[in-house]
PDB file of N, CA and C in Angstrom:
ATOM      1  N   UNK A   1     -25.292  13.835 -22.945  1.00  0.00           N
ATOM      2  CA  UNK A   1     -26.123  12.897 -24.302  1.00  0.00           C
ATOM      3  C   UNK A   1     -26.122  13.246 -25.722  1.00  0.00           C
ATOM      4  N   UNK A   2     -25.979  12.659 -26.810  1.00  0.00           N
ATOM      5  CA  UNK A   2     -25.809  12.719 -28.115  1.00  0.00           C
ATOM      6  C   UNK A   2     -27.228  12.885 -28.325  1.00  0.00           C
ATOM      7  N   UNK A   3     -27.538  13.666 -29.670  1.00  0.00           N
ATOM      8  CA  UNK A   3     -28.585  13.852 -30.197  1.00  0.00           C
ATOM      9  C   UNK A   3     -29.335  12.685 -30.310  1.00  0.00           C
ATOM     10  N   UNK A   4     -28.446  11.337 -31.016  1.00  0.00           N
ATOM     11  CA  UNK A   4     -29.101  10.167 -31.437  1.00  0.00           C
ATOM     12  C   UNK A   4     -29.754   9.493 -29.798  1.00  0.00           C
ATOM     13  N   UNK A   5     -28.943   9.559 -28.851  1.00  0.00           N
ATOM     14  CA  UNK A   5     -29.892   8.954 -27.789  1.00  0.00           C
ATOM     15  C   UNK A   5     -31.141   9.498 -27.218  1.00  0.00           C
ATOM     16  N   UNK A   6     -31.124  10.900 -27.660  1.00  0.00           N
ATOM     17  CA  UNK A   6     -32.210  11.300 -27.051  1.00  0.00           C
ATOM     18  C   UNK A   6     -33.412  10.822 -27.745  1.00  0.00           C
ATOM     19  N   UNK A   7     -33.372  11.063 -29.665  1.00  0.00           N
ATOM     20  CA  UNK A   7     -33.908  10.364 -29.861  1.00  0.00           C
ATOM     21  C   UNK A   7     -34.663   9.075 -29.918  1.00  0.00           C
ATOM     22  N   UNK A   8     -34.049   8.074 -29.077  1.00  0.00           N
ATOM     23  CA  UNK A   8     -34.368   6.929 -28.415  1.00  0.00           C
ATOM     24  C   UNK A   8     -35.657   6.812 -27.766  1.00  0.00           C
ATOM     25  N   UNK A   9     -35.598   7.890 -26.927  1.00  0.00           N
ATOM     26  CA  UNK A   9     -36.663   8.233 -25.951  1.00  0.00           C
ATOM     27  C   UNK A   9     -38.144   8.478 -26.226  1.00  0.00           C
ATOM     28  N   UNK A  10     -37.696   9.303 -28.158  1.00  0.00           N
ATOM     29  CA  UNK A  10     -39.174   9.610 -27.999  1.00  0.00           C
ATOM     30  C   UNK A  10     -40.317   9.077 -28.468  1.00  0.00           C
ATOM     31  N   UNK A  11     -40.237   7.388 -28.320  1.00  0.00           N
ATOM     32  CA  UNK A  11     -41.415   6.758 -28.441  1.00  0.00           C
ATOM     33  C   UNK A  11     -41.999   6.353 -26.999  1.00  0.00           C
ATOM     34  N   UNK A  12     -41.104   6.269 -25.981  1.00  0.00           N
ATOM     35  CA  UNK A  12     -41.694   6.328 -24.501  1.00  0.00           C
ATOM     36  C   UNK A  12     -42.316   7.885 -24.314  1.00  0.00           C
ATOM     37  N   UNK A  13     -41.845   9.086 -24.892  1.00  0.00           N
ATOM     38  CA  UNK A  13     -42.538  10.185 -24.208  1.00  0.00           C
ATOM     39  C   UNK A  13     -43.302   9.983 -24.963  1.00  0.00           C
ATOM     40  N   UNK A  14     -43.878   9.574 -26.110  1.00  0.00           N
ATOM     41  CA  UNK A  14     -45.249   9.527 -27.156  1.00  0.00           C
ATOM     42  C   UNK A  14     -46.342   8.871 -25.891  1.00  0.00           C
ATOM     43  N   UNK A  15     -45.956   7.398 -25.814  1.00  0.00           N
ATOM     44  CA  UNK A  15     -46.507   6.886 -24.983  1.00  0.00           C
ATOM     45  C   UNK A  15     -47.065   7.321 -23.466  1.00  0.00           C
ATOM     46  N   UNK A  16     -46.390   8.047 -23.000  1.00  0.00           N
ATOM     47  CA  UNK A  16     -46.307   8.652 -21.851  1.00  0.00           C
ATOM     48  C   UNK A  16     -47.763   9.827 -21.912  1.00  0.00           C
ATOM     49  N   UNK A  17     -47.176  10.704 -23.176  1.00  0.00           N
ATOM     50  CA  UNK A  17     -48.508  11.572 -23.191  1.00  0.00           C
ATOM     51  C   UNK A  17     -49.893  10.986 -23.928  1.00  0.00           C
ATOM     52  N   UNK A  18     -49.609   9.887 -24.180  1.00  0.00           N
ATOM     53  CA  UNK A  18     -50.975   9.237 -24.590  1.00  0.00           C
ATOM     54  C   UNK A  18     -51.705   8.869 -23.502  1.00  0.00           C
ATOM     55  N   UNK A  19     -51.092   8.428 -22.562  1.00  0.00           N
ATOM     56  CA  UNK A  19     -51.653   8.016 -21.342  1.00  0.00           C
ATOM     57  C   UNK A  19     -52.064   8.795 -20.541  1.00  0.00           C
ATOM     58  N   UNK A  20     -51.330   9.962 -20.406  1.00  0.00           N
ATOM     59  CA  UNK A  20     -51.707  11.226 -19.377  1.00  0.00           C
ATOM     60  C   UNK A  20     -53.006  11.718 -20.129  1.00  0.00           C
ATOM     61  N   UNK A  21     -53.190  11.784 -21.321  1.00  0.00           N
ATOM     62  CA  UNK A  21     -54.382  12.574 -21.882  1.00  0.00           C
ATOM     63  C   UNK A  21     -55.532  11.878 -21.965  1.00  0.00           C
ATOM     64  N   UNK A  22     -55.147  10.488 -21.974  1.00  0.00           N
ATOM     65  CA  UNK A  22     -56.549   9.395 -21.583  1.00  0.00           C
ATOM     66  C   UNK A  22     -57.273   9.584 -20.261  1.00  0.00           C
ATOM     67  N   UNK A  23     -55.709   9.757 -19.273  1.00  0.00           N
ATOM     68  CA  UNK A  23     -56.292   9.718 -17.546  1.00  0.00           C
ATOM     69  C   UNK A  23     -56.967  11.226 -17.417  1.00  0.00           C
ATOM     70  N   UNK A  24     -56.351  12.485 -18.067  1.00  0.00           N
ATOM     71  CA  UNK A  24     -57.154  13.354 -18.014  1.00  0.00           C
ATOM     72  C   UNK A  24     -58.571  13.701 -18.648  1.00  0.00           C
ATOM     73  N   UNK A  25     -58.377  13.148 -20.014  1.00  0.00           N
ATOM     74  CA  UNK A  25     -60.133  13.070 -20.168  1.00  0.00           C
ATOM     75  C   UNK A  25     -60.924  12.341 -19.740  1.00  0.00           C
ATOM     76  N   UNK A  26     -60.599  11.029 -19.033  1.00  0.00           N
ATOM     77  CA  UNK A  26     -61.449  10.523 -18.165  1.00  0.00           C
ATOM     78  C   UNK A  26     -61.652  11.236 -16.629  1.00  0.00           C
ATOM     79  N   UNK A  27     -60.595  11.629 -16.281  1.00  0.00           N
ATOM     80  CA  UNK A  27     -60.803  12.255 -14.936  1.00  0.00           C
ATOM     81  C   UNK A  27     -62.128  13.367 -14.996  1.00  0.00           C
ATOM     82  N   UNK A  28     -62.149  14.435 -16.238  1.00  0.00           N
ATOM     83  CA  UNK A  28     -62.932  15.568 -16.559  1.00  0.00           C
ATOM     84  C   UNK A  28     -64.383  14.941 -16.676  1.00  0.00           C
ATOM     85  N   UNK A  29     -64.317  13.913 -17.319  1.00  0.00           N
ATOM     86  CA  UNK A  29     -66.168  13.247 -17.659  1.00  0.00           C
ATOM     87  C   UNK A  29     -66.193  12.901 -16.345  1.00  0.00           C
ATOM     88  N   UNK A  30     -65.835  12.156 -15.285  1.00  0.00           N
ATOM     89  CA  UNK A  30     -66.146  12.010 -14.087  1.00  0.00           C
ATOM     90  C   UNK A  30     -66.249  12.673 -13.328  1.00  0.00           C
ATOM     91  N   UNK A  31     -65.703  13.794 -13.369  1.00  0.00           N
ATOM     92  CA  UNK A  31     -65.969  15.127 -12.575  1.00  0.00           C
ATOM     93  C   UNK A  31     -67.468  15.742 -12.985  1.00  0.00           C
ATOM     94  N   UNK A  32     -67.214  15.730 -14.113  1.00  0.00           N
ATOM     95  CA  UNK A  32     -68.947  16.389 -14.891  1.00  0.00           C
ATOM     96  C   UNK A  32     -70.023  15.378 -14.263  1.00  0.00           C
ATOM     97  N   UNK A  33     -69.486  14.270 -14.618  1.00  0.00           N
ATOM     98  CA  UNK A  33     -70.619  13.386 -13.975  1.00  0.00           C
ATOM     99  C   UNK A  33     -71.186  13.435 -12.811  1.00  0.00           C
ATOM    100  N   UNK A  34     -70.276  13.615 -11.681  1.00  0.00           N
ATOM    101  CA  UNK A  34     -70.512  14.174 -10.547  1.00  0.00           C
ATOM    102  C   UNK A  34     -71.289  15.187  -9.796  1.00  0.00           C
ATOM    103  N   UNK A  35     -71.092  16.440 -10.577  1.00  0.00           N
ATOM    104  CA  UNK A  35     -71.399  17.221 -10.217  1.00  0.00           C
ATOM    105  C   UNK A  35     -72.717  17.478 -10.832  1.00  0.00           C
ATOM    106  N   UNK A  36     -73.118  17.092 -11.837  1.00  0.00           N
ATOM    107  CA  UNK A  36     -74.912  16.981 -12.990  1.00  0.00           C
ATOM    108  C   UNK A  36     -75.401  16.486 -12.250  1.00  0.00           C
ATOM    109  N   UNK A  37     -76.947  17.392 -12.016  1.00  0.00           N
ATOM    110  CA  UNK A  37     -78.058  16.754 -12.018  1.00  0.00           C
ATOM    111  C   UNK A  37     -78.588  15.809 -13.391  1.00  0.00           C
ATOM    112  N   UNK A  38     -78.972  14.811 -13.244  1.00  0.00           N
ATOM    113  CA  UNK A  38     -79.178  14.186 -14.589  1.00  0.00           C
ATOM    114  C   UNK A  38     -80.829  13.496 -14.474  1.00  0.00           C
ATOM    115  N   UNK A  39     -81.252  13.706 -15.436  1.00  0.00           N
ATOM    116  CA  UNK A  39     -82.915  13.374 -15.868  1.00  0.00           C
ATOM    117  C   UNK A  39     -83.004  13.290 -17.181  1.00  0.00           C
ATOM    118  N   UNK A  40     -82.186  12.243 -17.673  1.00  0.00           N
ATOM    119  CA  UNK A  40     -81.952  12.360 -19.419  1.00  0.00           C
ATOM    120  C   UNK A  40     -82.339  10.767 -19.515  1.00  0.00           C
ATOM    121  N   UNK A  41     -82.204  10.790 -21.113  1.00  0.00           N
ATOM    122  CA  UNK A  41     -81.943   9.627 -21.661  1.00  0.00           C
ATOM    123  C   UNK A  41     -80.735   9.054 -22.083  1.00  0.00           C
ATOM    124  N   UNK A  42     -80.064   8.233 -22.822  1.00  0.00           N
ATOM    125  CA  UNK A  42     -78.859   7.641 -23.295  1.00  0.00           C
ATOM    126  C   UNK A  42     -79.239   7.519 -24.768  1.00  0.00           C
ATOM    127  N   UNK A  43     -78.609   8.025 -25.377  1.00  0.00           N
ATOM    128  CA  UNK A  43     -78.873   9.036 -26.793  1.00  0.00           C
ATOM    129  C   UNK A  43     -77.959   7.938 -27.925  1.00  0.00           C
ATOM    130  N   UNK A  44     -76.744   7.235 -27.396  1.00  0.00           N
ATOM    131  CA  UNK A  44     -75.921   6.767 -28.053  1.00  0.00           C
ATOM    132  C   UNK A  44     -74.935   6.444 -27.509  1.00  0.00           C
ATOM    133  N   UNK A  45     -74.550   4.980 -27.728  1.00  0.00           N
ATOM    134  CA  UNK A  45     -73.513   4.041 -27.182  1.00  0.00           C
ATOM    135  C   UNK A  45     -72.042   4.427 -28.215  1.00  0.00           C
ATOM    136  N   UNK A  46     -70.806   4.640 -27.758  1.00  0.00           N
ATOM    137  CA  UNK A  46     -69.384   4.866 -28.364  1.00  0.00           C
ATOM    138  C   UNK A  46     -68.439   3.488 -27.770  1.00  0.00           C
ATOM    139  N   UNK A  47     -68.115   3.073 -28.597  1.00  0.00           N
ATOM    140  CA  UNK A  47     -66.569   2.327 -28.395  1.00  0.00           C
ATOM    141  C   UNK A  47     -65.546   3.498 -27.954  1.00  0.00           C
ATOM    142  N   UNK A  48     -64.876   2.833 -27.160  1.00  0.00           N
ATOM    143  CA  UNK A  48     -63.619   3.990 -26.003  1.00  0.00           C
ATOM    144  C   UNK A  48     -62.316   3.484 -26.490  1.00  0.00           C
ATOM    145  N   UNK A  49     -61.323   3.859 -25.970  1.00  0.00           N
ATOM    146  CA  UNK A  49     -60.124   3.509 -26.230  1.00  0.00           C
ATOM    147  C   UNK A  49     -59.973   2.276 -25.443  1.00  0.00           C
ATOM    148  N   UNK A  50     -60.774   1.452 -24.673  1.00  0.00           N
ATOM    149  CA  UNK A  50     -60.529   0.417 -23.875  1.00  0.00           C
ATOM    150  C   UNK A  50     -60.453  -0.923 -24.457  1.00  0.00           C
ATOM    151  N   UNK A  51     -60.915  -0.987 -25.944  1.00  0.00           N
ATOM    152  CA  UNK A  51     -61.246  -2.180 -26.969  1.00  0.00           C
ATOM    153  C   UNK A  51     -62.094  -3.226 -26.610  1.00  0.00           C
ATOM    154  N   UNK A  52     -63.204  -2.473 -26.094  1.00  0.00           N
ATOM    155  CA  UNK A  52     -64.510  -3.602 -25.816  1.00  0.00           C
ATOM    156  C   UNK A  52     -64.864  -3.873 -24.337  1.00  0.00           C
ATOM    157  N   UNK A  53     -63.725  -3.276 -23.787  1.00  0.00           N
ATOM    158  CA  UNK A  53     -63.987  -3.882 -21.867  1.00  0.00           C
ATOM    159  C   UNK A  53     -64.964  -2.756 -21.366  1.00  0.00           C
ATOM    160  N   UNK A  54     -65.009  -1.358 -21.932  1.00  0.00           N
ATOM    161  CA  UNK A  54     -66.033  -0.749 -21.538  1.00  0.00           C
ATOM    162  C   UNK A  54     -66.716   0.308 -22.313  1.00  0.00           C
ATOM    163  N   UNK A  55     -67.677   1.200 -22.325  1.00  0.00           N
ATOM    164  CA  UNK A  55     -68.317   1.888 -23.198  1.00  0.00           C
ATOM    165  C   UNK A  55     -68.811   2.932 -23.059  1.00  0.00           C
ATOM    166  N   UNK A  56     -68.582   4.051 -23.685  1.00  0.00           N
ATOM    167  CA  UNK A  56     -68.750   5.627 -23.222  1.00  0.00           C
ATOM    168  C   UNK A  56     -70.406   5.545 -23.880  1.00  0.00           C
ATOM    169  N   UNK A  57     -71.342   6.425 -22.562  1.00  0.00           N
ATOM    170  CA  UNK A  57     -72.758   5.981 -23.157  1.00  0.00           C
ATOM    171  C   UNK A  57     -73.338   7.819 -22.925  1.00  0.00           C
ATOM    172  N   UNK A  58     -73.688   8.786 -24.111  1.00  0.00           N
ATOM    173  CA  UNK A  58     -73.916   9.808 -24.034  1.00  0.00           C
ATOM    174  C   UNK A  58     -75.429  10.053 -23.436  1.00  0.00           C
ATOM    175  N   UNK A  59     -75.495  11.008 -23.058  1.00  0.00           N
ATOM    176  CA  UNK A  59     -77.138  11.289 -22.626  1.00  0.00           C
ATOM    177  C   UNK A  59     -77.250  12.620 -23.319  1.00  0.00           C
ATOM    178  N   UNK A  60     -78.615  12.993 -23.474  1.00  0.00           N
ATOM    179  CA  UNK A  60     -79.396  14.138 -24.016  1.00  0.00           C
ATOM    180  C   UNK A  60     -78.531  15.371 -23.583  1.00  0.00           C
ATOM    181  N   UNK A  61     -78.099  15.698 -22.743  1.00  0.00           N
ATOM    182  CA  UNK A  61     -77.381  16.527 -21.993  1.00  0.00           C
ATOM    183  C   UNK A  61     -75.675  16.874 -22.144  1.00  0.00           C
ATOM    184  N   UNK A  62     -75.323  15.790 -22.869  1.00  0.00           N
ATOM    185  CA  UNK A  62     -74.013  15.553 -23.303  1.00  0.00           C
ATOM    186  C   UNK A  62     -72.826  14.949 -22.137  1.00  0.00           C
ATOM    187  N   UNK A  63     -73.480  14.339 -21.517  1.00  0.00           N
ATOM    188  CA  UNK A  63     -73.082  13.969 -20.230  1.00  0.00           C
ATOM    189  C   UNK A  63     -72.317  12.457 -20.624  1.00  0.00           C
ATOM    190  N   UNK A  64     -71.186  12.449 -20.191  1.00  0.00           N
ATOM    191  CA  UNK A  64     -70.819  10.768 -20.705  1.00  0.00           C
ATOM    192  C   UNK A  64     -70.774   9.750 -19.271  1.00  0.00           C
ATOM    193  N   UNK A  65     -71.446   8.950 -19.521  1.00  0.00           N
ATOM    194  CA  UNK A  65     -71.403   7.704 -18.559  1.00  0.00           C
ATOM    195  C   UNK A  65     -70.113   6.668 -19.273  1.00  0.00           C
ATOM    196  N   UNK A  66     -69.241   6.036 -18.450  1.00  0.00           N
ATOM    197  CA  UNK A  66     -68.630   4.959 -18.919  1.00  0.00           C
ATOM    198  C   UNK A  66     -68.617   4.030 -18.159  1.00  0.00           C
ATOM    199  N   UNK A  67     -68.696   3.065 -18.526  1.00  0.00           N
ATOM    200  CA  UNK A  67     -69.289   1.518 -18.097  1.00  0.00           C
ATOM    201  C   UNK A  67     -68.495   0.807 -18.352  1.00  0.00           C
ATOM    202  N   UNK A  68     -68.241  -0.185 -17.624  1.00  0.00           N
ATOM    203  CA  UNK A  68     -67.732  -1.777 -18.035  1.00  0.00           C
ATOM    204  C   UNK A  68     -68.892  -2.263 -18.937  1.00  0.00           C
ATOM    205  N   UNK A  69     -68.144  -3.386 -19.612  1.00  0.00           N
ATOM    206  CA  UNK A  69     -68.863  -3.904 -20.546  1.00  0.00           C
ATOM    207  C   UNK A  69     -70.259  -4.917 -19.603  1.00  0.00           C
ATOM    208  N   UNK A  70     -69.872  -5.337 -18.649  1.00  0.00           N
ATOM    209  CA  UNK A  70     -70.858  -6.216 -18.035  1.00  0.00           C
ATOM    210  C   UNK A  70     -71.985  -5.213 -17.336  1.00  0.00           C
ATOM    211  N   UNK A  71     -71.853  -4.164 -17.398  1.00  0.00           N
ATOM    212  CA  UNK A  71     -72.990  -3.225 -16.894  1.00  0.00           C
ATOM    213  C   UNK A  71     -73.443  -2.547 -17.963  1.00  0.00           C
ATOM    214  N   UNK A  72     -73.859  -3.459 -18.785  1.00  0.00           N
ATOM    215  CA  UNK A  72     -74.263  -2.595 -20.192  1.00  0.00           C
ATOM    216  C   UNK A  72     -75.631  -1.770 -20.034  1.00  0.00           C
ATOM    217  N   UNK A  73     -75.556  -0.583 -20.229  1.00  0.00           N
ATOM    218  CA  UNK A  73     -76.816  -0.044 -20.754  1.00  0.00           C
ATOM    219  C   UNK A  73     -77.413  -0.031 -22.403  1.00  0.00           C
ATOM    220  N   UNK A  74     -78.334   0.411 -22.768  1.00  0.00           N
ATOM    221  CA  UNK A  74     -78.865   0.370 -23.786  1.00  0.00           C
ATOM    222  C   UNK A  74     -79.417   1.754 -24.442  1.00  0.00           C
ATOM    223  N   UNK A  75     -79.473   2.156 -25.413  1.00  0.00           N
ATOM    224  CA  UNK A  75     -79.904   3.451 -26.126  1.00  0.00           C
ATOM    225  C   UNK A  75     -81.276   3.231 -25.667  1.00  0.00           C
ATOM    226  N   UNK A  76     -81.682   4.274 -24.998  1.00  0.00           N
ATOM    227  CA  UNK A  76     -82.919   4.846 -24.672  1.00  0.00           C
ATOM    228  C   UNK A  76     -83.280   4.583 -23.173  1.00  0.00           C
ATOM    229  N   UNK A  77     -82.378   3.949 -22.399  1.00  0.00           N
ATOM    230  CA  UNK A  77     -82.402   4.142 -21.280  1.00  0.00           C
ATOM    231  C   UNK A  77     -82.891   5.079 -20.457  1.00  0.00           C
ATOM    232  N   UNK A  78     -83.551   5.428 -19.151  1.00  0.00           N
ATOM    233  CA  UNK A  78     -83.578   6.813 -18.457  1.00  0.00           C
ATOM    234  C   UNK A  78     -83.078   6.663 -17.732  1.00  0.00           C
ATOM    235  N   UNK A  79     -81.873   7.832 -17.206  1.00  0.00           N
ATOM    236  CA  UNK A  79     -81.060   8.009 -16.506  1.00  0.00           C
ATOM    237  C   UNK A  79     -81.508   9.006 -15.135  1.00  0.00           C
ATOM    238  N   UNK A  80     -81.424   8.869 -13.906  1.00  0.00           N
ATOM    239  CA  UNK A  80     -81.921   9.790 -12.917  1.00  0.00           C
ATOM    240  C   UNK A  80     -80.838   9.631 -11.846  1.00  0.00           C
ATOM    241  N   UNK A  81     -80.034  10.750 -11.600  1.00  0.00           N
ATOM    242  CA  UNK A  81     -79.146  11.086 -10.870  1.00  0.00           C
ATOM    243  C   UNK A  81     -79.374  12.468 -10.260  1.00  0.00           C
ATOM    244  N   UNK A  82     -78.710  12.492  -9.046  1.00  0.00           N
ATOM    245  CA  UNK A  82     -79.084  13.999  -8.264  1.00  0.00           C
ATOM    246  C   UNK A  82     -77.440  14.296  -8.158  1.00  0.00           C
ATOM    247  N   UNK A  83     -77.474  15.483  -8.090  1.00  0.00           N
ATOM    248  CA  UNK A  83     -76.316  16.654  -8.370  1.00  0.00           C
ATOM    249  C   UNK A  83     -75.134  15.696  -6.990  1.00  0.00           C
ATOM    250  N   UNK A  84     -73.782  15.875  -7.405  1.00  0.00           N
ATOM    251  CA  UNK A  84     -73.037  15.755  -6.481  1.00  0.00           C
ATOM    252  C   UNK A  84     -72.756  14.157  -5.807  1.00  0.00           C
ATOM    253  N   UNK A  85     -73.166  13.385  -6.709  1.00  0.00           N
ATOM    254  CA  UNK A  85     -73.371  11.933  -6.427  1.00  0.00           C
ATOM    255  C   UNK A  85     -72.606  11.214  -7.301  1.00  0.00           C
ATOM    256  N   UNK A  86     -72.380  10.140  -7.332  1.00  0.00           N
ATOM    257  CA  UNK A  86     -71.805   9.049  -7.886  1.00  0.00           C
ATOM    258  C   UNK A  86     -72.668   8.055  -8.533  1.00  0.00           C
ATOM    259  N   UNK A  87     -74.136   7.877  -7.564  1.00  0.00           N
ATOM    260  CA  UNK A  87     -75.054   6.702  -7.475  1.00  0.00           C
ATOM    261  C   UNK A  87     -75.951   7.178  -8.157  1.00  0.00           C
ATOM    262  N   UNK A  88     -76.288   6.551  -9.563  1.00  0.00           N
ATOM    263  CA  UNK A  88     -77.902   6.977 -10.203  1.00  0.00           C
ATOM    264  C   UNK A  88     -78.430   5.765 -10.553  1.00  0.00           C
ATOM    265  N   UNK A  89     -79.671   5.593 -11.127  1.00  0.00           N
ATOM    266  CA  UNK A  89     -80.414   5.043 -11.562  1.00  0.00           C
ATOM    267  C   UNK A  89     -80.919   4.586 -12.737  1.00  0.00           C
ATOM    268  N   UNK A  90     -81.108   3.569 -13.481  1.00  0.00           N
ATOM    269  CA  UNK A  90     -81.815   3.128 -14.321  1.00  0.00           C
ATOM    270  C   UNK A  90     -82.878   2.750 -14.781  1.00  0.00           C
ATOM    271  N   UNK A  91     -83.804   3.078 -15.515  1.00  0.00           N
ATOM    272  CA  UNK A  91     -85.220   2.757 -15.806  1.00  0.00           C
ATOM    273  C   UNK A  91     -85.014   2.556 -17.343  1.00  0.00           C
ATOM    274  N   UNK A  92     -85.826   1.395 -17.675  1.00  0.00           N
ATOM    275  CA  UNK A  92     -85.582   0.563 -18.810  1.00  0.00           C
ATOM    276  C   UNK A  92     -87.408   0.459 -19.093  1.00  0.00           C
ATOM    277  N   UNK A  93     -87.580   0.514 -20.496  1.00  0.00           N
ATOM    278  CA  UNK A  93     -88.869   0.229 -20.839  1.00  0.00           C
ATOM    279  C   UNK A  93     -89.202  -1.078 -20.679  1.00  0.00           C
ATOM    280  N   UNK A  94     -90.233  -1.539 -20.942  1.00  0.00           N
ATOM    281  CA  UNK A  94     -91.060  -2.916 -20.672  1.00  0.00           C
ATOM    282  C   UNK A  94     -91.525  -3.060 -21.823  1.00  0.00           C
ATOM    283  N   UNK A  95     -92.302  -4.497 -22.091  1.00  0.00           N
ATOM    284  CA  UNK A  95     -92.793  -5.147 -23.131  1.00  0.00           C
ATOM    285  C   UNK A  95     -94.164  -3.905 -23.747  1.00  0.00           C
ATOM    286  N   UNK A  96     -94.270  -2.906 -22.480  1.00  0.00           N
ATOM    287  CA  UNK A  96     -95.821  -2.147 -22.799  1.00  0.00           C
ATOM    288  C   UNK A  96     -95.288  -0.505 -22.773  1.00  0.00           C
ATOM    289  N   UNK A  97     -94.230  -0.513 -23.101  1.00  0.00           N
ATOM    290  CA  UNK A  97     -93.668   0.888 -23.534  1.00  0.00           C
ATOM    291  C   UNK A  97     -93.399   2.060 -22.236  1.00  0.00           C
ATOM    292  N   UNK A  98     -93.815   1.022 -21.366  1.00  0.00           N
ATOM    293  CA  UNK A  98     -93.412   1.974 -19.743  1.00  0.00           C
ATOM    294  C   UNK A  98     -92.402   1.721 -19.210  1.00  0.00           C
ATOM    295  N   UNK A  99     -91.627   3.129 -18.767  1.00  0.00           N
ATOM    296  CA  UNK A  99     -90.632   3.043 -17.823  1.00  0.00           C
ATOM    297  C   UNK A  99     -90.700   2.450 -16.754  1.00  0.00           C
ATOM    298  N   UNK A 100     -89.920   1.266 -16.233  1.00  0.00           N
ATOM    299  CA  UNK A 100     -89.583   0.773 -15.225  1.00  0.00           C
ATOM    300  C   UNK A 100     -88.582   0.792 -14.349  1.00  0.00           C
ATOM    301  N   UNK A 101     -88.420   0.584 -13.077  1.00  0.00           N
ATOM    302  CA  UNK A 101     -87.053   0.685 -12.553  1.00  0.00           C
ATOM    303  C   UNK A 101     -86.533  -0.532 -12.869  1.00  0.00           C
ATOM    304  N   UNK A 102     -84.935  -0.327 -13.310  1.00  0.00           N
ATOM    305  CA  UNK A 102     -84.238  -1.580 -13.913  1.00  0.00           C
ATOM    306  C   UNK A 102     -83.005  -2.123 -12.754  1.00  0.00           C
ATOM    307  N   UNK A 103     -82.386  -1.296 -12.302  1.00  0.00           N
ATOM    308  CA  UNK A 103     -81.128  -0.916 -11.470  1.00  0.00           C
ATOM    309  C   UNK A 103     -80.224   0.455 -11.118  1.00  0.00           C
ATOM    310  N   UNK A 104     -79.785   0.100  -9.747  1.00  0.00           N
ATOM    311  CA  UNK A 104     -79.047   1.115  -9.257  1.00  0.00           C
ATOM    312  C   UNK A 104     -77.582   1.058  -9.858  1.00  0.00           C
ATOM    313  N   UNK A 105     -76.681   2.064  -9.881  1.00  0.00           N
ATOM    314  CA  UNK A 105     -75.288   2.005 -10.231  1.00  0.00           C
ATOM    315  C   UNK A 105     -74.530   2.857  -9.653  1.00  0.00           C
ATOM    316  N   UNK A 106     -72.967   2.311  -9.306  1.00  0.00           N
ATOM    317  CA  UNK A 106     -72.359   3.683  -8.985  1.00  0.00           C
ATOM    318  C   UNK A 106     -71.120   3.622  -9.998  1.00  0.00           C
ATOM    319  N   UNK A 107     -70.724   4.907 -10.212  1.00  0.00           N
ATOM    320  CA  UNK A 107     -69.830   5.103 -11.350  1.00  0.00           C
ATOM    321  C   UNK A 107     -68.453   4.550 -11.118  1.00  0.00           C
ATOM    322  N   UNK A 108     -68.178   4.319  -9.846  1.00  0.00           N
ATOM    323  CA  UNK A 108     -66.757   3.953  -9.427  1.00  0.00           C
ATOM    324  C   UNK A 108     -67.010   2.807  -9.507  1.00  0.00           C
ATOM    325  N   UNK A 109     -67.947   1.737  -9.405  1.00  0.00           N
ATOM    326  CA  UNK A 109     -67.553   0.396  -9.083  1.00  0.00           C
ATOM    327  C   UNK A 109     -67.147  -0.178 -10.792  1.00  0.00           C
TER     328      UNK A 109
END
């Protein structure tokens, strides 16, 4: 192959690298979430690369929870999860300022 033809493949290589980067990052976040025991609050909601289809929620102990937009959590929600599990419970403040059970989630749903 000539040098000119190799450079034509460069944009495809860049796209493949970007896809692998985001898959690797996502896999690491899911693994960290699965292993961790969490009793924390959501402190930040961030947009991610999905263009609004999902959001990243950061807890006080720097665990990232990526959820689809239809499963919206809010800043201040309390998260409770056992170690080595993908299921977690969300507690939300009611109008009296007390936390009450809101919903069960599974990170893989």
